[in-house]
Protein backbone atom coordinates (compact mmCIF):
# COMPACT_ATOMS: atom_id res chain seq x y z
CA MET A 1 -10.11 -17.37 18.13
CA LYS A 2 -8.33 -14.47 19.78
CA THR A 3 -10.07 -11.14 20.46
CA ILE A 4 -7.94 -8.01 20.07
CA LYS A 5 -9.47 -5.15 22.03
CA LEU A 6 -8.57 -1.78 20.51
CA ASP A 7 -8.32 0.97 23.12
CA ILE A 8 -9.83 4.43 22.49
CA ILE A 9 -11.66 3.09 19.45
CA ASN A 10 -13.66 0.72 21.67
CA GLU A 11 -13.68 -1.92 18.95
CA ASN A 12 -12.71 -5.59 18.78
CA ILE A 13 -10.83 -7.39 16.04
CA HIS A 14 -11.14 -11.18 16.03
CA TYR A 15 -8.04 -13.07 14.93
CA GLU A 16 -7.20 -16.63 13.98
CA LYS A 17 -4.23 -18.22 12.26
CA LEU A 18 -5.09 -21.49 10.54
CA ASP A 19 -2.85 -24.54 10.42
CA ASN A 20 -2.04 -23.75 6.78
CA GLY A 21 -0.65 -20.36 7.84
CA LEU A 22 -3.53 -18.15 6.67
CA GLU A 23 -4.13 -15.20 9.01
CA ILE A 24 -7.75 -14.05 9.40
CA TYR A 25 -8.90 -10.72 10.85
CA ILE A 26 -12.63 -10.15 11.40
CA SER A 27 -14.44 -6.98 12.49
CA TYR A 28 -18.01 -7.71 13.62
CA GLN A 29 -20.36 -4.80 12.86
CA LYS A 30 -23.88 -6.05 13.61
CA ASP A 31 -25.60 -2.74 12.77
CA TYR A 32 -23.94 -2.27 9.36
CA ASN A 33 -25.77 -3.48 6.24
CA ASN A 34 -22.68 -3.91 4.11
CA ASN A 35 -20.17 -6.79 4.18
CA ILE A 36 -16.67 -6.52 2.78
CA ALA A 37 -13.74 -8.92 2.47
CA CYS A 38 -10.19 -8.64 1.16
CA PHE A 39 -7.92 -11.57 0.32
CA LEU A 40 -4.33 -10.32 0.20
CA THR A 41 -1.04 -11.84 -0.85
CA LYS A 42 2.35 -10.27 -0.19
CA PHE A 43 3.34 -10.37 -3.84
CA GLY A 44 3.69 -7.23 -5.92
CA GLY A 45 5.55 -5.48 -8.70
CA LEU A 46 8.90 -5.45 -6.88
CA ASP A 47 8.97 -9.23 -6.44
CA ILE A 48 10.60 -10.27 -9.68
CA GLU A 49 13.73 -12.01 -8.31
CA PHE A 50 13.23 -15.00 -6.02
CA ILE A 51 13.77 -18.75 -5.71
CA PRO A 52 10.61 -20.48 -7.00
CA ILE A 53 9.23 -23.22 -4.77
CA GLY A 54 10.82 -26.57 -5.61
CA GLU A 55 13.86 -24.93 -7.24
CA LYS A 56 17.32 -23.95 -5.97
CA GLU A 57 18.40 -21.02 -8.13
CA MET A 58 17.42 -17.36 -7.92
CA THR A 59 15.19 -16.56 -10.91
CA LYS A 60 14.34 -13.23 -12.48
CA MET A 61 10.78 -12.96 -13.77
CA PRO A 62 9.47 -10.46 -16.33
CA SER A 63 8.36 -7.14 -14.86
CA GLY A 64 4.59 -6.85 -14.48
CA ILE A 65 4.06 -10.55 -13.74
CA ALA A 66 2.25 -9.94 -10.41
CA HIS A 67 -0.25 -7.70 -12.21
CA PHE A 68 -0.62 -10.23 -15.05
CA LEU A 69 -1.29 -12.98 -12.50
CA GLU A 70 -3.98 -10.86 -10.83
CA HIS A 71 -5.77 -10.60 -14.19
CA LYS A 72 -5.56 -14.31 -14.91
CA LEU A 73 -7.13 -15.43 -11.63
CA PHE A 74 -10.40 -13.91 -12.79
CA GLU A 75 -10.61 -16.61 -15.47
CA GLN A 76 -11.90 -19.93 -14.15
CA LYS A 77 -11.53 -23.37 -15.70
CA ASP A 78 -15.28 -24.10 -15.60
CA GLY A 79 -16.01 -20.89 -17.48
CA ILE A 80 -17.71 -19.14 -14.55
CA SER A 81 -17.16 -15.40 -14.79
CA VAL A 82 -16.03 -13.89 -11.48
CA ASN A 83 -17.60 -10.56 -12.38
CA GLU A 84 -20.90 -12.17 -13.40
CA PHE A 85 -21.06 -14.24 -10.20
CA TYR A 86 -20.84 -11.18 -7.96
CA LYS A 87 -23.02 -9.07 -10.23
CA LYS A 88 -25.99 -11.40 -9.62
CA SER A 89 -26.17 -10.36 -5.96
CA GLY A 90 -25.36 -6.70 -6.56
CA THR A 91 -21.88 -7.18 -5.13
CA TYR A 92 -18.86 -5.10 -6.11
CA VAL A 93 -15.70 -7.06 -6.93
CA ASN A 94 -12.25 -5.84 -7.87
CA ALA A 95 -8.54 -6.53 -7.57
CA SER A 96 -5.43 -4.40 -7.52
CA THR A 97 -1.66 -4.87 -7.60
CA ASN A 98 0.90 -2.42 -6.25
CA TYR A 99 4.63 -2.71 -5.71
CA LYS A 100 4.30 -5.00 -2.68
CA THR A 101 0.87 -6.68 -2.57
CA THR A 102 -2.03 -7.97 -4.61
CA LYS A 103 -5.56 -7.66 -3.21
CA TYR A 104 -8.89 -9.26 -4.17
CA ILE A 105 -11.97 -7.63 -2.68
CA PHE A 106 -15.75 -7.87 -2.71
CA SER A 107 -18.29 -5.57 -1.07
CA GLY A 108 -22.06 -5.92 -0.86
CA PRO A 109 -25.07 -6.30 1.46
CA ASP A 110 -26.30 -9.76 0.42
CA ASN A 111 -25.15 -13.32 -0.27
CA PHE A 112 -22.18 -12.99 2.12
CA ASP A 113 -21.57 -16.70 2.78
CA LYS A 114 -21.44 -17.65 -0.90
CA ASN A 115 -19.49 -14.51 -1.79
CA LEU A 116 -16.80 -15.36 0.75
CA GLU A 117 -16.62 -18.98 -0.38
CA PHE A 118 -16.28 -17.88 -3.98
CA LEU A 119 -13.55 -15.34 -3.14
CA LEU A 120 -11.46 -18.05 -1.50
CA ASP A 121 -12.11 -20.48 -4.34
CA PHE A 122 -11.39 -18.29 -7.34
CA VAL A 123 -8.17 -16.90 -5.83
CA GLN A 124 -7.03 -20.40 -4.84
CA THR A 125 -7.91 -22.10 -8.14
CA PRO A 126 -5.51 -20.95 -10.86
CA TYR A 127 -6.16 -21.90 -14.47
CA PHE A 128 -3.47 -20.91 -16.97
CA THR A 129 -3.15 -22.21 -20.52
CA ASP A 130 -1.03 -21.10 -23.47
CA GLU A 131 -4.18 -19.86 -25.17
CA ASN A 132 -5.65 -17.81 -22.33
CA VAL A 133 -2.24 -16.32 -21.47
CA LYS A 134 -1.77 -15.24 -25.08
CA LYS A 135 -5.25 -13.68 -25.09
CA GLU A 136 -4.55 -11.80 -21.85
CA LYS A 137 -1.35 -10.32 -23.26
CA GLY A 138 -3.36 -8.33 -25.77
CA ILE A 139 -5.60 -6.95 -23.02
CA ILE A 140 -2.70 -5.96 -20.74
CA LEU A 141 -0.65 -4.49 -23.59
CA GLU A 142 -3.61 -2.25 -24.37
CA GLU A 143 -3.83 -1.31 -20.67
CA GLU A 144 -0.10 -0.50 -20.71
CA ARG A 145 -0.59 1.72 -23.74
CA MET A 146 -3.51 3.56 -22.11
CA THR A 147 -1.68 4.16 -18.83
CA LYS A 148 1.68 5.05 -20.36
CA ASP A 149 0.84 8.73 -20.57
CA ASP A 150 -1.09 8.91 -17.30
CA PRO A 151 0.59 11.90 -15.58
CA ASN A 152 -0.28 10.71 -12.06
CA ARG A 153 1.31 7.32 -12.65
CA LEU A 154 4.34 8.88 -14.36
CA PHE A 155 4.82 11.34 -11.49
CA PHE A 156 4.57 8.69 -8.76
CA GLU A 157 6.80 6.17 -10.53
CA THR A 158 9.48 8.78 -11.22
CA ILE A 159 9.54 9.86 -7.55
CA TYR A 160 10.28 6.32 -6.35
CA ARG A 161 12.63 5.45 -9.20
CA ASN A 162 14.75 8.49 -8.30
CA LEU A 163 14.78 7.74 -4.56
CA PHE A 164 16.10 4.18 -4.67
CA ASN A 165 19.31 2.79 -6.15
CA LYS A 166 18.94 -0.97 -5.74
CA ILE A 167 15.26 -1.68 -5.08
CA PRO A 168 13.79 -2.17 -8.59
CA TYR A 169 11.37 0.75 -8.64
CA ASN A 170 12.60 1.30 -12.20
CA ASN A 171 10.19 -1.52 -13.07
CA THR A 172 6.57 -0.43 -13.32
CA VAL A 173 3.84 -2.54 -11.72
CA ILE A 174 2.18 -3.11 -15.09
CA GLY A 175 5.50 -4.04 -16.75
CA THR A 176 7.15 -3.12 -20.02
CA ARG A 177 5.69 -4.15 -23.37
CA LYS A 178 8.69 -6.39 -23.97
CA ASP A 179 8.35 -8.20 -20.61
CA ILE A 180 4.58 -8.58 -20.87
CA SER A 181 5.05 -10.25 -24.26
CA THR A 182 7.43 -12.86 -22.81
CA ILE A 183 5.26 -14.07 -19.89
CA THR A 184 4.32 -17.76 -20.09
CA LYS A 185 1.87 -19.97 -18.20
CA GLU A 186 4.88 -21.69 -16.63
CA ASP A 187 6.07 -18.32 -15.26
CA LEU A 188 2.64 -17.66 -13.82
CA TYR A 189 2.45 -21.05 -12.08
CA ARG A 190 5.94 -20.60 -10.60
CA CYS A 191 4.93 -17.24 -9.14
CA TYR A 192 1.53 -18.48 -8.02
CA ASN A 193 2.86 -21.58 -6.27
CA THR A 194 5.47 -19.50 -4.47
CA PHE A 195 3.51 -16.46 -3.34
CA TYR A 196 -0.14 -17.54 -3.26
CA ASN A 197 0.42 -19.94 -0.40
CA PRO A 198 -1.85 -19.30 2.64
CA SER A 199 1.25 -18.73 4.80
CA ASN A 200 2.03 -15.66 2.65
CA MET A 201 -1.56 -14.38 2.66
CA ALA A 202 -4.11 -12.73 4.93
CA LEU A 203 -7.90 -12.44 4.90
CA PHE A 204 -9.66 -9.33 6.22
CA ILE A 205 -13.43 -9.27 6.78
CA VAL A 206 -15.93 -6.70 8.04
CA SER A 207 -19.36 -8.27 8.44
CA ASN A 208 -22.67 -8.19 10.30
CA LYS A 209 -22.35 -11.97 10.59
CA LYS A 210 -21.00 -13.30 13.90
CA PRO A 211 -17.22 -13.91 13.89
CA LYS A 212 -17.51 -17.60 14.77
CA ASP A 213 -19.86 -18.18 11.83
CA VAL A 214 -17.52 -16.31 9.50
CA LEU A 215 -14.52 -18.27 10.74
CA ASP A 216 -16.38 -21.56 10.24
CA ILE A 217 -16.95 -20.69 6.57
CA VAL A 218 -13.24 -20.07 6.07
CA LYS A 219 -12.13 -23.14 8.05
CA ASN A 220 -14.48 -25.48 6.20
CA ASN A 221 -13.35 -24.06 2.88
CA GLN A 222 -9.65 -24.40 3.64
CA ALA A 223 -10.04 -27.90 5.08
CA LYS A 224 -11.00 -29.12 1.60
CA LYS A 225 -7.71 -27.93 0.10
CA THR A 226 -4.10 -29.07 0.40
CA PHE A 227 -1.15 -26.68 0.40
CA LYS A 228 2.58 -27.38 0.51
CA LYS A 229 4.72 -25.74 3.16
CA VAL A 230 6.82 -22.99 1.61
CA LYS A 231 9.75 -20.82 2.54
CA ILE A 232 9.87 -17.73 0.38
CA ILE A 233 13.35 -16.46 -0.48
CA LYS A 234 13.40 -13.14 -2.33
CA LYS A 235 16.42 -11.21 -3.52
CA GLU A 236 17.65 -8.71 -0.94
CA TYR A 237 18.99 -5.34 -1.99
CA ASN A 238 21.86 -3.35 -0.49
CA GLU A 239 20.10 0.01 -0.40
CA ASN A 240 21.64 3.11 1.20
CA GLU A 241 20.56 6.63 2.15
CA ILE A 242 21.85 8.25 -1.04
CA VAL A 243 19.15 9.00 -3.60
CA ASN A 244 19.43 7.68 -7.13
CA ARG A 245 18.77 11.07 -8.75
CA GLU A 246 18.63 14.47 -7.05
CA LYS A 247 16.50 16.24 -9.64
CA GLU A 248 14.58 15.39 -12.79
CA VAL A 249 12.23 17.33 -15.04
CA ILE A 250 9.67 15.21 -16.88
CA HIS A 251 6.87 16.07 -19.30
CA SER A 252 3.30 14.88 -19.79
CA ASN A 253 -0.19 16.07 -20.75
CA VAL A 254 -0.73 18.38 -17.76
CA ASN A 255 -1.94 21.97 -17.71
CA GLU A 256 0.08 23.06 -14.68
CA THR A 257 3.51 22.26 -13.36
CA ARG A 258 3.65 19.79 -10.47
CA ILE A 259 6.56 19.38 -8.10
CA SER A 260 7.52 16.76 -5.53
CA TYR A 261 10.20 17.23 -2.89
CA SER A 262 11.42 14.10 -1.06
CA LEU A 263 13.89 13.41 1.74
CA LYS A 264 15.34 9.96 2.42
CA TYR A 265 16.76 8.81 5.78
CA ASP A 266 17.99 5.64 7.40
CA ILE A 267 15.28 5.25 10.05
CA SER A 268 17.86 4.72 12.81
CA TYR A 269 18.92 8.36 12.40
CA PHE A 270 15.86 9.54 14.34
CA GLU A 271 16.40 7.16 17.29
CA ALA A 272 12.68 6.34 17.39
CA ASN A 273 10.47 3.46 16.30
CA LYS A 274 8.67 3.72 13.00
CA THR A 275 5.24 4.37 14.54
CA GLU A 276 6.63 7.37 16.43
CA ILE A 277 8.30 8.65 13.28
CA TYR A 278 5.10 8.28 11.27
CA ASP A 279 2.86 9.93 13.88
CA TYR A 280 5.14 12.77 14.95
CA PHE A 281 6.10 13.73 11.41
CA THR A 282 2.45 13.60 10.34
CA ILE A 283 1.84 16.33 12.90
CA PHE A 284 5.08 18.10 11.95
CA PHE A 285 4.20 18.48 8.27
CA ASN A 286 0.64 19.50 9.05
CA LEU A 287 1.98 22.25 11.31
CA LEU A 288 4.50 23.55 8.79
CA VAL A 289 2.87 23.19 5.39
CA GLY A 290 -0.66 21.82 5.96
CA ASN A 291 -3.83 23.44 4.64
CA LEU A 292 -4.30 25.47 7.84
CA SER A 293 -0.70 26.67 8.07
CA ASN A 294 0.33 30.29 7.47
CA PHE A 295 2.98 29.01 5.06
CA ASN A 296 0.37 27.36 2.85
CA LEU A 297 -1.84 30.44 2.85
CA ASP A 298 1.08 32.76 2.13
CA LEU A 299 2.21 30.70 -0.89
CA LYS A 300 -1.32 30.72 -2.32
CA THR A 301 -1.67 34.48 -1.76
CA LYS A 302 1.62 35.10 -3.56
CA LYS A 303 0.53 32.67 -6.33
CA ILE A 304 3.58 30.46 -5.81
CA ILE A 305 1.30 27.43 -5.49
CA SER A 306 -2.16 26.94 -6.99
CA ASP A 307 -3.29 23.88 -5.05
CA ASP A 308 -3.00 22.38 -1.57
CA ILE A 309 0.31 20.92 -0.42
CA GLU A 310 0.15 17.14 -0.05
CA THR A 311 2.50 15.26 2.26
CA SER A 312 3.20 11.55 2.61
CA ILE A 313 5.41 9.36 4.76
CA SER A 314 6.49 5.89 3.68
CA ILE A 315 8.83 3.32 5.20
CA GLU A 316 10.84 0.88 3.12
CA LYS A 317 12.42 -2.24 4.64
CA VAL A 318 15.53 -3.65 2.97
CA LYS A 319 17.44 -6.55 4.54
CA ASN A 320 18.02 -5.45 8.14
CA LYS A 321 17.56 -1.75 7.38
CA GLU A 322 14.56 0.53 7.12
CA PHE A 323 14.35 3.84 5.29
CA VAL A 324 11.82 6.59 5.84
CA ILE A 325 10.73 8.81 2.96
CA PHE A 326 9.08 12.22 3.42
CA THR A 327 7.43 13.60 0.28
CA ILE A 328 5.85 17.02 -0.20
CA ALA A 329 4.03 17.74 -3.45
CA THR A 330 1.95 20.51 -4.95
CA VAL A 331 1.11 22.45 -8.13
CA SER A 332 3.46 25.35 -8.74
CA ASN A 333 4.53 27.30 -11.80
CA LYS A 334 7.45 28.59 -9.71
CA PRO A 335 8.96 25.27 -8.57
CA ASN A 336 12.42 26.64 -7.77
CA LYS A 337 10.94 29.41 -5.64
CA PHE A 338 8.74 26.85 -3.88
CA VAL A 339 11.75 24.66 -3.04
CA LYS A 340 13.71 27.62 -1.67
CA LEU A 341 10.87 28.73 0.62
CA LEU A 342 10.05 25.15 1.65
CA GLU A 343 13.62 24.44 2.72
CA GLU A 344 13.75 27.66 4.72
CA LYS A 345 10.58 26.58 6.50
CA LEU A 346 11.88 23.07 7.20
CA ILE A 347 15.12 24.46 8.63
CA THR A 348 13.54 27.12 10.88
CA LYS A 349 10.76 24.73 12.03
CA ASP A 350 8.50 27.63 12.95
CA TYR A 351 5.29 26.42 14.61
CA ASP A 352 3.12 27.06 17.65
CA LYS A 353 2.85 24.66 20.60
CA LYS A 354 -0.91 25.34 20.78
CA ASP A 355 -1.25 24.16 17.19
CA PHE A 356 0.62 20.98 18.10
CA GLU A 357 -2.17 20.15 20.57
CA ILE A 358 -4.81 20.61 17.88
CA TYR A 359 -3.10 18.14 15.56
CA ARG A 360 -2.35 15.73 18.40
CA LYS A 361 -6.07 15.51 19.16
CA SER A 362 -6.84 15.31 15.46
CA LEU A 363 -4.60 12.26 15.12
CA LEU A 364 -6.62 10.45 17.79
CA SER A 365 -9.97 11.54 16.39
CA ASN A 366 -8.95 10.31 12.93
CA LEU A 367 -8.22 6.93 14.49
CA ILE A 368 -11.77 6.73 15.86
CA TYR A 369 -13.22 8.01 12.58
CA GLN A 370 -11.69 5.01 10.77
CA PHE A 371 -14.56 2.88 12.09
CA VAL A 372 -17.48 4.82 10.59
CA ASP A 373 -17.99 2.50 7.59
CA THR A 374 -16.94 -0.92 6.37
CA THR A 375 -14.48 0.34 3.74
CA SER A 376 -12.63 2.52 6.26
CA ILE A 377 -12.49 -0.35 8.77
CA ILE A 378 -11.03 -2.83 6.32
CA ASN A 379 -8.52 -0.24 5.08
CA TYR A 380 -7.48 0.35 8.70
CA MET A 381 -6.93 -3.38 9.26
CA ILE A 382 -4.95 -3.80 6.05
CA ASP A 383 -2.79 -0.73 6.70
CA GLU A 384 -2.04 -1.81 10.27
CA TYR A 385 -1.20 -5.34 9.16
CA LEU A 386 1.16 -4.20 6.40
CA PHE A 387 2.77 -1.55 8.62
CA SER A 388 3.38 -3.76 11.67
CA ASN A 389 2.80 -7.28 10.29
CA LYS A 390 -0.07 -7.59 12.79
CA ILE A 391 -2.99 -5.69 14.30
CA GLY A 392 -2.79 -4.73 17.96
CA ASN A 393 -2.71 -1.97 20.56
CA GLU A 394 0.99 -1.10 20.30
CA ASN A 395 0.52 1.71 17.77
CA ILE A 396 -2.57 3.01 19.57
CA GLU A 397 -0.58 3.22 22.83
CA ILE A 398 2.03 5.36 21.10
CA GLU A 399 -0.66 7.69 19.74
CA LYS A 400 -2.25 7.96 23.19
CA ASN A 401 1.07 9.09 24.67
CA ILE A 402 2.11 11.62 22.04
CA ASN A 403 3.64 14.66 23.74
CA TYR A 404 5.39 17.88 22.81
CA LYS A 405 8.75 16.99 24.38
CA ARG A 406 9.09 13.79 22.38
CA PHE A 407 7.79 15.61 19.30
CA LYS A 408 10.68 18.08 19.57
CA GLU A 409 13.26 15.36 20.21
CA ILE A 410 12.35 13.53 17.02
CA THR A 411 11.47 16.30 14.58
CA ASP A 412 14.36 18.60 15.54
CA LYS A 413 16.66 16.00 13.97
CA LEU A 414 15.28 16.71 10.49
CA ILE A 415 17.86 18.36 8.24
CA ILE A 416 18.06 18.88 4.50
CA LYS A 417 19.93 15.89 3.10
CA ASN A 418 19.43 13.10 0.59
CA ARG A 419 16.78 15.08 -1.26
CA SER A 420 15.17 14.24 -4.59
CA ILE A 421 13.06 16.64 -6.63
CA VAL A 422 10.74 15.78 -9.52
CA ILE A 423 9.15 18.49 -11.67
CA LEU A 424 6.35 17.50 -14.05
CA LYS A 425 5.77 20.03 -16.84
CA LYS A 426 3.43 20.34 -19.80
């Protein structure tokens, strides 16, 4: 077992990769009462075109199949209810599917050994029949109906659908009613056997139990199971910088108008690695439009916005390219005025060097603050793993060496191009 020492944070992450390919990350927190574990597979709503294991042709699956599969793994052949098992020890259990991953998680103070064993077993023991698949369709179709008019979901999905041309963000994670209705047990097994292989999965654990003891539980469990070696081949998309749609007005059951403003770049444009881009632009947007900025206060005073301005940075990898997306969103009944003033601010890049130092220190303090509770720790590990495909000190080193000169070099390159605007109205 390898120990990864995280600088500044003064924490250790224990790492092991098993012979079957499963990667395990353990954070030992002896003084914490709670234990938490997440079993993750790199299979999500975007993964609908791939070559199933044992086959030779590219296959297109119904949209929503990753989410459907998540639901079905909670049903066990022996009739044991996953929810009831964890409920007996006062343990929280849940699962979630997004565009790129599916996660299974439990959190609770007691019964850790058995809880971990059961997590591994129920995720690695699929049981699909024609009857239980048909039954699940009714449940998921009802979920689709209930979420169809969710304004938050509609807003988010429209933003990404309008940004990308080839990546299938036009498919929702939950799927269309037509596609949900066509899913079969054979489809589920083909997806499961391809993507739920240990070599495509990772296990994250935060526990007050010693790492060696935790690792022994996992090793003993996996030694009882046999897995085929797999090579996952997914469809690759020829994405480019141009956005799919520059502007769209949508409607839902909201009381106030919401607006999102996004910019899309080929990451190579900034001549920086993705950690630098993420960190420096996090500071950049805080300086320009964050809650403490004069711009934010001025817009509220003039009643151009009626809520805080939220910013997000995401990075999308396609073939040998990566794209960075900057999104700024708020509530505004004067969306066109907001866009005009926002673009003026982004072009002039008016900020104070002293304020840069405040946010530089804040970035480091937020890193340390990630380790105040088990949920934050496991989220840190998952985010780092998905961002860099590993957990290590490389990103921390970059954050330690953030400086104003490099900040200017990177952020001065930002110009208004490849923009996409979504306005959500009542």
